[in-house]
Amino acid sequence: MAVIGYARVSSDEQHLDLQIDALQKAGCDEIFTDDGISAVAKHRPGLEAALDTLNDGDSFVIWKLDRAFRSMRHALDIWDFLKAKNIIFVSVTEQIDTGTAHGKCQYQIRAVFAEYELNLNSERTKAGMLAAKLRGKHIGRKYALSDEQIAEIRDVLRRKPDTTIVSLAKAYGVCTHTITRSLKRKASKRS
């Protein structure tokens, strides 16, 4: 009977080391991972591979419930899958072991609280992003063109009206939409 582990982190700033160390200490024969996968992602290649690997009588070990499940419904669906294959589920940090009646109850209760924690985190993130946006901070990916580059493009367009957006896009290594969006963004900031 195999002991299969699973670990996930959602961002590049996080590391799998802590989870992997704990899973190795828990006796996992094989550990599957998802690095940089959001908590709410529907497709998790590592989790899917781990679940596909499990056979009747194996154990499935994770570090913490919120590392594996995106919602209470997802946790209960996985629970149904594990029960059908007679697989024991273990969460290292929450000390859940579904090989016992108490562990089965804990699994279900903790799944509810894991979803609650996920929802709280989402609310805090949205509130923080809104506060930053209200302070004038840019939210999202870094702009492809700097303010200086946009000023240069405006200057070129003013001095040489026959210059095309296509030629500017090639010169700056971006697509034409990036040029037009950047010019509009800067124009709207000035008004």
C-alpha atoms as a PDB file:
ATOM      1  CA  MET A   1       0.000   0.000   0.000  1.00  0.00           C
ATOM      2  CA  ALA A   2       1.475   3.294  -1.173  1.00  0.00           C
ATOM      3  CA  VAL A   3       1.517   6.624   0.623  1.00  0.00           C
ATOM      4  CA  ILE A   4       0.989   9.371  -1.957  1.00  0.00           C
ATOM      5  CA  GLY A   5       1.569  13.029  -1.058  1.00  0.00           C
ATOM      6  CA  TYR A   6       0.447  16.281  -2.624  1.00  0.00           C
ATOM      7  CA  ALA A   7       1.718  19.852  -2.172  1.00  0.00           C
ATOM      8  CA  ARG A   8       0.679  23.165  -3.758  1.00  0.00           C
ATOM      9  CA  VAL A   9       1.720  26.795  -3.655  1.00  0.00           C
ATOM     10  CA  SER A  10      -0.123  29.545  -5.470  1.00  0.00           C
ATOM     11  CA  SER A  11       2.561  32.118  -6.179  1.00  0.00           C
ATOM     12  CA  ASP A  12       6.189  32.415  -7.196  1.00  0.00           C
ATOM     13  CA  GLU A  13       7.009  33.982  -3.818  1.00  0.00           C
ATOM     14  CA  GLN A  14       5.954  30.804  -2.005  1.00  0.00           C
ATOM     15  CA  HIS A  15       8.031  27.641  -1.834  1.00  0.00           C
ATOM     16  CA  LEU A  16       7.083  23.980  -1.671  1.00  0.00           C
ATOM     17  CA  ASP A  17       9.974  23.046   0.651  1.00  0.00           C
ATOM     18  CA  LEU A  18       8.044  23.188   3.945  1.00  0.00           C
ATOM     19  CA  GLN A  19       5.231  21.025   2.606  1.00  0.00           C
ATOM     20  CA  ILE A  20       7.542  18.535   0.916  1.00  0.00           C
ATOM     21  CA  ASP A  21       9.647  18.149   4.083  1.00  0.00           C
ATOM     22  CA  ALA A  22       6.492  17.452   6.120  1.00  0.00           C
ATOM     23  CA  LEU A  23       5.191  14.962   3.541  1.00  0.00           C
ATOM     24  CA  GLN A  24       8.515  13.133   3.465  1.00  0.00           C
ATOM     25  CA  LYS A  25       8.493  13.002   7.262  1.00  0.00           C
ATOM     26  CA  ALA A  26       4.948  11.565   7.061  1.00  0.00           C
ATOM     27  CA  GLY A  27       6.358   8.677   5.004  1.00  0.00           C
ATOM     28  CA  CYS A  28       5.179   9.522   1.501  1.00  0.00           C
ATOM     29  CA  ASP A  29       6.503   7.180  -1.167  1.00  0.00           C
ATOM     30  CA  GLU A  30       5.777   9.681  -3.930  1.00  0.00           C
ATOM     31  CA  ILE A  31       4.911  13.396  -3.825  1.00  0.00           C
ATOM     32  CA  PHE A  32       3.054  15.294  -6.534  1.00  0.00           C
ATOM     33  CA  THR A  33       3.155  19.084  -6.685  1.00  0.00           C
ATOM     34  CA  ASP A  34       1.511  22.095  -8.262  1.00  0.00           C
ATOM     35  CA  ASP A  35       3.742  25.163  -8.208  1.00  0.00           C
ATOM     36  CA  GLY A  36       2.165  28.549  -8.923  1.00  0.00           C
ATOM     37  CA  ILE A  37      -1.396  27.207  -9.153  1.00  0.00           C
ATOM     38  CA  SER A  38      -4.181  29.291  -7.599  1.00  0.00           C
ATOM     39  CA  ALA A  39      -6.350  27.926  -4.812  1.00  0.00           C
ATOM     40  CA  VAL A  40      -9.412  28.271  -7.030  1.00  0.00           C
ATOM     41  CA  ALA A  41      -7.936  26.743 -10.202  1.00  0.00           C
ATOM     42  CA  LYS A  42     -10.128  23.981 -11.575  1.00  0.00           C
ATOM     43  CA  HIS A  43      -7.245  22.220 -13.350  1.00  0.00           C
ATOM     44  CA  ARG A  44      -4.369  21.102 -11.122  1.00  0.00           C
ATOM     45  CA  PRO A  45      -2.103  18.662 -12.968  1.00  0.00           C
ATOM     46  CA  GLY A  46      -0.249  17.579  -9.812  1.00  0.00           C
ATOM     47  CA  LEU A  47      -3.416  16.846  -7.849  1.00  0.00           C
ATOM     48  CA  GLU A  48      -4.960  15.024 -10.792  1.00  0.00           C
ATOM     49  CA  ALA A  49      -1.829  12.886 -11.212  1.00  0.00           C
ATOM     50  CA  ALA A  50      -1.747  12.108  -7.473  1.00  0.00           C
ATOM     51  CA  LEU A  51      -5.384  11.013  -7.471  1.00  0.00           C
ATOM     52  CA  ASP A  52      -4.846   8.908 -10.618  1.00  0.00           C
ATOM     53  CA  THR A  53      -1.922   7.156  -8.895  1.00  0.00           C
ATOM     54  CA  LEU A  54      -3.947   6.085  -5.844  1.00  0.00           C
ATOM     55  CA  ASN A  55      -5.078   2.481  -5.602  1.00  0.00           C
ATOM     56  CA  ASP A  56      -7.375   0.618  -3.217  1.00  0.00           C
ATOM     57  CA  GLY A  57      -5.973   0.749   0.314  1.00  0.00           C
ATOM     58  CA  ASP A  58      -3.400   3.530  -0.336  1.00  0.00           C
ATOM     59  CA  SER A  59      -3.065   6.691   1.730  1.00  0.00           C
ATOM     60  CA  PHE A  60      -3.332  10.227   0.379  1.00  0.00           C
ATOM     61  CA  VAL A  61      -1.386  12.763   2.448  1.00  0.00           C
ATOM     62  CA  ILE A  62      -1.414  16.555   2.248  1.00  0.00           C
ATOM     63  CA  TRP A  63       0.150  19.239   4.417  1.00  0.00           C
ATOM     64  CA  LYS A  64      -3.055  21.245   4.946  1.00  0.00           C
ATOM     65  CA  LEU A  65      -6.609  21.120   3.548  1.00  0.00           C
ATOM     66  CA  ASP A  66      -6.419  24.474   1.769  1.00  0.00           C
ATOM     67  CA  ARG A  67      -3.445  23.209  -0.236  1.00  0.00           C
ATOM     68  CA  ALA A  68      -5.579  20.578  -1.966  1.00  0.00           C
ATOM     69  CA  PHE A  69      -9.180  21.754  -2.113  1.00  0.00           C
ATOM     70  CA  ARG A  70     -10.691  24.819  -3.769  1.00  0.00           C
ATOM     71  CA  SER A  71     -14.047  24.584  -1.961  1.00  0.00           C
ATOM     72  CA  MET A  72     -16.064  22.529   0.473  1.00  0.00           C
ATOM     73  CA  ARG A  73     -17.843  20.881  -2.487  1.00  0.00           C
ATOM     74  CA  HIS A  74     -14.462  19.960  -4.016  1.00  0.00           C
ATOM     75  CA  ALA A  75     -13.278  18.484  -0.692  1.00  0.00           C
ATOM     76  CA  LEU A  76     -16.448  16.413  -0.363  1.00  0.00           C
ATOM     77  CA  ASP A  77     -16.193  15.210  -3.983  1.00  0.00           C
ATOM     78  CA  ILE A  78     -12.616  14.077  -3.335  1.00  0.00           C
ATOM     79  CA  TRP A  79     -13.791  12.478  -0.094  1.00  0.00           C
ATOM     80  CA  ASP A  80     -16.388  10.449  -2.040  1.00  0.00           C
ATOM     81  CA  PHE A  81     -13.676   9.378  -4.510  1.00  0.00           C
ATOM     82  CA  LEU A  82     -11.308   8.346  -1.706  1.00  0.00           C
ATOM     83  CA  LYS A  83     -14.031   6.429   0.202  1.00  0.00           C
ATOM     84  CA  ALA A  84     -15.037   4.529  -2.945  1.00  0.00           C
ATOM     85  CA  LYS A  85     -11.439   3.362  -3.405  1.00  0.00           C
ATOM     86  CA  ASN A  86     -10.914   2.619   0.312  1.00  0.00           C
ATOM     87  CA  ILE A  87      -8.153   5.251   0.534  1.00  0.00           C
ATOM     88  CA  ILE A  88      -7.149   6.816   3.831  1.00  0.00           C
ATOM     89  CA  PHE A  89      -6.805  10.593   3.800  1.00  0.00           C
ATOM     90  CA  VAL A  90      -4.286  12.347   6.062  1.00  0.00           C
ATOM     91  CA  SER A  91      -3.755  16.062   6.642  1.00  0.00           C
ATOM     92  CA  VAL A  92      -0.475  16.557   8.487  1.00  0.00           C
ATOM     93  CA  THR A  93      -0.997  19.977  10.091  1.00  0.00           C
ATOM     94  CA  GLU A  94      -4.668  19.465  10.977  1.00  0.00           C
ATOM     95  CA  GLN A  95      -3.969  15.949  12.278  1.00  0.00           C
ATOM     96  CA  ILE A  96      -6.797  14.416  10.270  1.00  0.00           C
ATOM     97  CA  ASP A  97      -6.665  10.685   9.583  1.00  0.00           C
ATOM     98  CA  THR A  98      -9.793   9.244   7.975  1.00  0.00           C
ATOM     99  CA  GLY A  99      -8.758   5.785   9.088  1.00  0.00           C
ATOM    100  CA  THR A 100     -10.762   6.623  12.232  1.00  0.00           C
ATOM    101  CA  ALA A 101     -14.361   7.764  12.810  1.00  0.00           C
ATOM    102  CA  HIS A 102     -13.051  10.920  14.500  1.00  0.00           C
ATOM    103  CA  GLY A 103     -10.807  11.620  11.494  1.00  0.00           C
ATOM    104  CA  LYS A 104     -13.733  11.266   9.081  1.00  0.00           C
ATOM    105  CA  CYS A 105     -15.760  13.775  11.094  1.00  0.00           C
ATOM    106  CA  GLN A 106     -12.776  16.156  11.313  1.00  0.00           C
ATOM    107  CA  TYR A 107     -12.306  15.980   7.548  1.00  0.00           C
ATOM    108  CA  GLN A 108     -15.834  17.174   6.894  1.00  0.00           C
ATOM    109  CA  ILE A 109     -15.772  19.902   9.560  1.00  0.00           C
ATOM    110  CA  ARG A 110     -12.358  21.182   8.493  1.00  0.00           C
ATOM    111  CA  ALA A 111     -13.407  21.298   4.832  1.00  0.00           C
ATOM    112  CA  VAL A 112     -16.058  23.860   5.815  1.00  0.00           C
ATOM    113  CA  PHE A 113     -13.497  25.986   7.672  1.00  0.00           C
ATOM    114  CA  ALA A 114     -10.945  25.699   4.860  1.00  0.00           C
ATOM    115  CA  GLU A 115     -13.500  27.197   2.462  1.00  0.00           C
ATOM    116  CA  TYR A 116     -14.276  29.923   5.024  1.00  0.00           C
ATOM    117  CA  GLU A 117     -10.568  30.751   5.275  1.00  0.00           C
ATOM    118  CA  LEU A 118     -10.298  30.850   1.474  1.00  0.00           C
ATOM    119  CA  ASN A 119     -13.258  33.257   1.294  1.00  0.00           C
ATOM    120  CA  LEU A 120     -11.758  35.507   3.993  1.00  0.00           C
ATOM    121  CA  ASN A 121      -8.442  35.608   2.170  1.00  0.00           C
ATOM    122  CA  SER A 122     -10.214  36.524  -1.060  1.00  0.00           C
ATOM    123  CA  GLU A 123     -12.106  39.350   0.672  1.00  0.00           C
ATOM    124  CA  ARG A 124      -8.883  40.711   2.224  1.00  0.00           C
ATOM    125  CA  THR A 125      -7.090  40.581  -1.121  1.00  0.00           C
ATOM    126  CA  LYS A 126      -9.906  42.404  -2.920  1.00  0.00           C
ATOM    127  CA  ALA A 127     -10.098  45.042  -0.162  1.00  0.00           C
ATOM    128  CA  GLY A 128      -6.332  45.584  -0.312  1.00  0.00           C
ATOM    129  CA  MET A 129      -6.379  45.903  -4.098  1.00  0.00           C
ATOM    130  CA  LEU A 130      -9.252  48.401  -3.941  1.00  0.00           C
ATOM    131  CA  ALA A 131      -7.441  50.471  -1.296  1.00  0.00           C
ATOM    132  CA  ALA A 132      -4.264  50.474  -3.409  1.00  0.00           C
ATOM    133  CA  LYS A 133      -6.233  51.442  -6.518  1.00  0.00           C
ATOM    134  CA  LEU A 134      -7.906  54.322  -4.641  1.00  0.00           C
ATOM    135  CA  ARG A 135      -4.403  55.540  -3.685  1.00  0.00           C
ATOM    136  CA  GLY A 136      -3.559  55.600  -7.410  1.00  0.00           C
ATOM    137  CA  LYS A 137      -1.470  52.423  -7.521  1.00  0.00           C
ATOM    138  CA  HIS A 138      -1.542  50.269 -10.643  1.00  0.00           C
ATOM    139  CA  ILE A 139      -3.054  46.830  -9.990  1.00  0.00           C
ATOM    140  CA  GLY A 140      -2.052  43.961 -12.216  1.00  0.00           C
ATOM    141  CA  ARG A 141       0.774  43.199 -14.574  1.00  0.00           C
ATOM    142  CA  LYS A 142       3.530  45.727 -15.138  1.00  0.00           C
ATOM    143  CA  TYR A 143       2.919  47.935 -18.155  1.00  0.00           C
ATOM    144  CA  ALA A 144       4.859  46.930 -21.292  1.00  0.00           C
ATOM    145  CA  LEU A 145       5.861  50.544 -21.991  1.00  0.00           C
ATOM    146  CA  SER A 146       7.270  52.956 -19.426  1.00  0.00           C
ATOM    147  CA  ASP A 147       6.018  56.522 -19.059  1.00  0.00           C
ATOM    148  CA  GLU A 148       9.223  57.688 -20.738  1.00  0.00           C
ATOM    149  CA  GLN A 149       8.665  55.413 -23.731  1.00  0.00           C
ATOM    150  CA  ILE A 150       5.088  56.640 -24.102  1.00  0.00           C
ATOM    151  CA  ALA A 151       6.358  60.247 -24.003  1.00  0.00           C
ATOM    152  CA  GLU A 152       8.899  59.350 -26.722  1.00  0.00           C
ATOM    153  CA  ILE A 153       6.146  57.808 -28.865  1.00  0.00           C
ATOM    154  CA  ARG A 154       3.972  60.925 -28.455  1.00  0.00           C
ATOM    155  CA  ASP A 155       6.941  63.077 -29.423  1.00  0.00           C
ATOM    156  CA  VAL A 156       7.643  60.984 -32.549  1.00  0.00           C
ATOM    157  CA  LEU A 157       3.971  61.123 -33.564  1.00  0.00           C
ATOM    158  CA  ARG A 158       3.930  64.902 -33.066  1.00  0.00           C
ATOM    159  CA  ARG A 159       7.185  65.515 -34.986  1.00  0.00           C
ATOM    160  CA  LYS A 160       6.579  62.919 -37.721  1.00  0.00           C
ATOM    161  CA  PRO A 161       2.826  62.612 -38.338  1.00  0.00           C
ATOM    162  CA  ASP A 162       3.361  60.037 -41.096  1.00  0.00           C
ATOM    163  CA  THR A 163       4.820  57.529 -38.583  1.00  0.00           C
ATOM    164  CA  THR A 164       2.623  54.424 -38.305  1.00  0.00           C
ATOM    165  CA  ILE A 165       1.601  52.610 -35.145  1.00  0.00           C
ATOM    166  CA  VAL A 166       2.894  49.410 -36.794  1.00  0.00           C
ATOM    167  CA  SER A 167       6.402  50.855 -37.175  1.00  0.00           C
ATOM    168  CA  LEU A 168       6.367  52.124 -33.588  1.00  0.00           C
ATOM    169  CA  ALA A 169       5.217  48.717 -32.326  1.00  0.00           C
ATOM    170  CA  LYS A 170       8.096  47.043 -34.162  1.00  0.00           C
ATOM    171  CA  ALA A 171      10.586  49.598 -32.844  1.00  0.00           C
ATOM    172  CA  TYR A 172       9.490  49.042 -29.212  1.00  0.00           C
ATOM    173  CA  GLY A 173       8.970  45.286 -29.523  1.00  0.00           C
ATOM    174  CA  VAL A 174       5.273  45.353 -28.612  1.00  0.00           C
ATOM    175  CA  CYS A 175       2.006  44.846 -30.460  1.00  0.00           C
ATOM    176  CA  THR A 176       0.019  47.701 -31.971  1.00  0.00           C
ATOM    177  CA  HIS A 177      -2.694  47.328 -29.310  1.00  0.00           C
ATOM    178  CA  THR A 178      -0.099  48.008 -26.614  1.00  0.00           C
ATOM    179  CA  ILE A 179       0.854  51.281 -28.289  1.00  0.00           C
ATOM    180  CA  THR A 180      -2.748  52.482 -28.690  1.00  0.00           C
ATOM    181  CA  ARG A 181      -3.771  51.370 -25.167  1.00  0.00           C
ATOM    182  CA  SER A 182      -0.736  53.085 -23.654  1.00  0.00           C
ATOM    183  CA  LEU A 183      -1.472  56.337 -25.477  1.00  0.00           C
ATOM    184  CA  LYS A 184      -5.111  56.224 -24.335  1.00  0.00           C
ATOM    185  CA  ARG A 185      -4.127  55.368 -20.738  1.00  0.00           C
ATOM    186  CA  LYS A 186      -1.761  58.319 -20.553  1.00  0.00           C
ATOM    187  CA  ALA A 187      -4.327  60.639 -22.176  1.00  0.00           C
ATOM    188  CA  SER A 188      -7.009  59.632 -19.648  1.00  0.00           C
ATOM    189  CA  LYS A 189      -4.612  60.213 -16.716  1.00  0.00           C
ATOM    190  CA  ARG A 190      -3.984  63.768 -17.886  1.00  0.00           C
ATOM    191  CA  SER A 191      -7.670  64.666 -18.175  1.00  0.00           C
END
